[in-house]
């Protein structure tokens, strides 16, 4: 389970984030390429843009559930969905 206290600084503000346990396996970027990006310097993925549509939120959740290191978190802040 992702830890908010380990949230990577490169994540944009909002409900979804990647923490420092990421191993940059590329799976999240394959599942939700409009949400996740690669930080080449750190060798980790991060949230470059919060999902804007229900389909993007679904893809972000799928990426979170598929993450082998459970490095993707969701604060569940419903205000971000409005």
C-alpha atoms as a PDB file:
ATOM      1  CA  UNK A   1       0.000   0.000   0.000  1.00  0.00           C
ATOM      2  CA  UNK A   2       1.396   3.390  -1.025  1.00  0.00           C
ATOM      3  CA  UNK A   3       2.438   5.699   1.791  1.00  0.00           C
ATOM      4  CA  UNK A   4       1.426   9.349   1.545  1.00  0.00           C
ATOM      5  CA  UNK A   5       4.475  10.304   3.613  1.00  0.00           C
ATOM      6  CA  UNK A   6       6.678   8.742   0.883  1.00  0.00           C
ATOM      7  CA  UNK A   7       4.914  10.575  -1.962  1.00  0.00           C
ATOM      8  CA  UNK A   8       7.356  11.598  -4.689  1.00  0.00           C
ATOM      9  CA  UNK A   9       7.700  15.387  -5.066  1.00  0.00           C
ATOM     10  CA  UNK A  10       7.315  15.206  -8.853  1.00  0.00           C
ATOM     11  CA  UNK A  11       3.652  14.092  -8.547  1.00  0.00           C
ATOM     12  CA  UNK A  12       1.127  16.788  -9.395  1.00  0.00           C
ATOM     13  CA  UNK A  13      -1.251  17.765  -6.614  1.00  0.00           C
ATOM     14  CA  UNK A  14      -4.364  15.652  -6.298  1.00  0.00           C
ATOM     15  CA  UNK A  15      -5.771  12.336  -5.196  1.00  0.00           C
ATOM     16  CA  UNK A  16      -3.471   9.948  -7.120  1.00  0.00           C
ATOM     17  CA  UNK A  17       0.254   9.733  -6.402  1.00  0.00           C
ATOM     18  CA  UNK A  18       3.274   7.441  -6.642  1.00  0.00           C
ATOM     19  CA  UNK A  19       5.522   6.898  -3.632  1.00  0.00           C
ATOM     20  CA  UNK A  20       9.255   6.260  -3.458  1.00  0.00           C
ATOM     21  CA  UNK A  21       8.881   2.464  -3.454  1.00  0.00           C
ATOM     22  CA  UNK A  22       8.285   2.591  -7.233  1.00  0.00           C
ATOM     23  CA  UNK A  23      10.646   0.393  -9.267  1.00  0.00           C
ATOM     24  CA  UNK A  24       9.697   2.038 -12.583  1.00  0.00           C
ATOM     25  CA  UNK A  25       8.380  -1.174 -14.126  1.00  0.00           C
ATOM     26  CA  UNK A  26       6.402   0.851 -16.712  1.00  0.00           C
ATOM     27  CA  UNK A  27       3.100  -0.941 -16.040  1.00  0.00           C
ATOM     28  CA  UNK A  28       1.236   2.180 -14.866  1.00  0.00           C
ATOM     29  CA  UNK A  29       2.389   4.095 -17.944  1.00  0.00           C
ATOM     30  CA  UNK A  30       1.160   1.293 -20.175  1.00  0.00           C
ATOM     31  CA  UNK A  31      -2.250   1.173 -18.479  1.00  0.00           C
ATOM     32  CA  UNK A  32      -2.809   4.927 -18.011  1.00  0.00           C
ATOM     33  CA  UNK A  33      -0.352   6.828 -20.255  1.00  0.00           C
ATOM     34  CA  UNK A  34      -2.279  10.108 -19.913  1.00  0.00           C
ATOM     35  CA  UNK A  35      -1.844  10.030 -16.130  1.00  0.00           C
ATOM     36  CA  UNK A  36       1.597   8.540 -15.425  1.00  0.00           C
ATOM     37  CA  UNK A  37       5.034   9.513 -16.750  1.00  0.00           C
ATOM     38  CA  UNK A  38       8.634   8.453 -16.203  1.00  0.00           C
ATOM     39  CA  UNK A  39      11.197  10.453 -14.255  1.00  0.00           C
ATOM     40  CA  UNK A  40      14.395   9.438 -16.048  1.00  0.00           C
ATOM     41  CA  UNK A  41      16.655  11.009 -13.409  1.00  0.00           C
ATOM     42  CA  UNK A  42      15.041   9.247 -10.452  1.00  0.00           C
ATOM     43  CA  UNK A  43      14.156   6.023 -12.277  1.00  0.00           C
ATOM     44  CA  UNK A  44      10.577   6.134 -11.032  1.00  0.00           C
ATOM     45  CA  UNK A  45       7.119   6.816 -12.394  1.00  0.00           C
ATOM     46  CA  UNK A  46       4.981   9.707 -11.171  1.00  0.00           C
ATOM     47  CA  UNK A  47       1.551  11.240 -11.711  1.00  0.00           C
ATOM     48  CA  UNK A  48       2.042  13.896 -14.378  1.00  0.00           C
ATOM     49  CA  UNK A  49      -1.672  14.785 -14.562  1.00  0.00           C
ATOM     50  CA  UNK A  50      -4.624  13.816 -12.439  1.00  0.00           C
ATOM     51  CA  UNK A  51      -7.295  11.856 -14.333  1.00  0.00           C
ATOM     52  CA  UNK A  52      -9.955  14.116 -15.817  1.00  0.00           C
ATOM     53  CA  UNK A  53     -12.598  11.680 -17.039  1.00  0.00           C
ATOM     54  CA  UNK A  54     -14.265   8.618 -15.526  1.00  0.00           C
ATOM     55  CA  UNK A  55     -12.318   6.485 -18.029  1.00  0.00           C
ATOM     56  CA  UNK A  56      -9.004   7.997 -16.938  1.00  0.00           C
ATOM     57  CA  UNK A  57      -9.900   7.478 -13.265  1.00  0.00           C
ATOM     58  CA  UNK A  58     -10.766   3.866 -14.040  1.00  0.00           C
ATOM     59  CA  UNK A  59      -7.411   3.413 -15.802  1.00  0.00           C
ATOM     60  CA  UNK A  60      -5.577   5.032 -12.863  1.00  0.00           C
ATOM     61  CA  UNK A  61      -7.335   2.633 -10.468  1.00  0.00           C
ATOM     62  CA  UNK A  62      -6.438  -0.297 -12.712  1.00  0.00           C
ATOM     63  CA  UNK A  63      -2.796   0.841 -12.667  1.00  0.00           C
ATOM     64  CA  UNK A  64      -2.935   1.132  -8.883  1.00  0.00           C
ATOM     65  CA  UNK A  65      -4.391  -2.361  -8.501  1.00  0.00           C
ATOM     66  CA  UNK A  66      -1.848  -3.806 -10.957  1.00  0.00           C
ATOM     67  CA  UNK A  67       1.232  -2.155  -9.445  1.00  0.00           C
ATOM     68  CA  UNK A  68       3.591  -4.956  -8.309  1.00  0.00           C
ATOM     69  CA  UNK A  69       5.060  -2.835  -5.505  1.00  0.00           C
ATOM     70  CA  UNK A  70       1.771  -1.145  -4.477  1.00  0.00           C
ATOM     71  CA  UNK A  71       3.452   2.227  -5.030  1.00  0.00           C
ATOM     72  CA  UNK A  72       0.383   4.056  -6.357  1.00  0.00           C
ATOM     73  CA  UNK A  73      -1.909   5.734  -3.874  1.00  0.00           C
ATOM     74  CA  UNK A  74      -5.374   7.255  -4.041  1.00  0.00           C
ATOM     75  CA  UNK A  75      -6.389   9.723  -1.349  1.00  0.00           C
ATOM     76  CA  UNK A  76      -9.983   9.379  -2.526  1.00  0.00           C
ATOM     77  CA  UNK A  77     -10.585  13.105  -2.381  1.00  0.00           C
ATOM     78  CA  UNK A  78     -13.923  13.303  -4.161  1.00  0.00           C
ATOM     79  CA  UNK A  79     -13.493  17.075  -4.718  1.00  0.00           C
ATOM     80  CA  UNK A  80     -10.839  16.177  -7.293  1.00  0.00           C
ATOM     81  CA  UNK A  81     -13.493  14.289  -9.284  1.00  0.00           C
ATOM     82  CA  UNK A  82     -15.841  17.247  -9.710  1.00  0.00           C
END
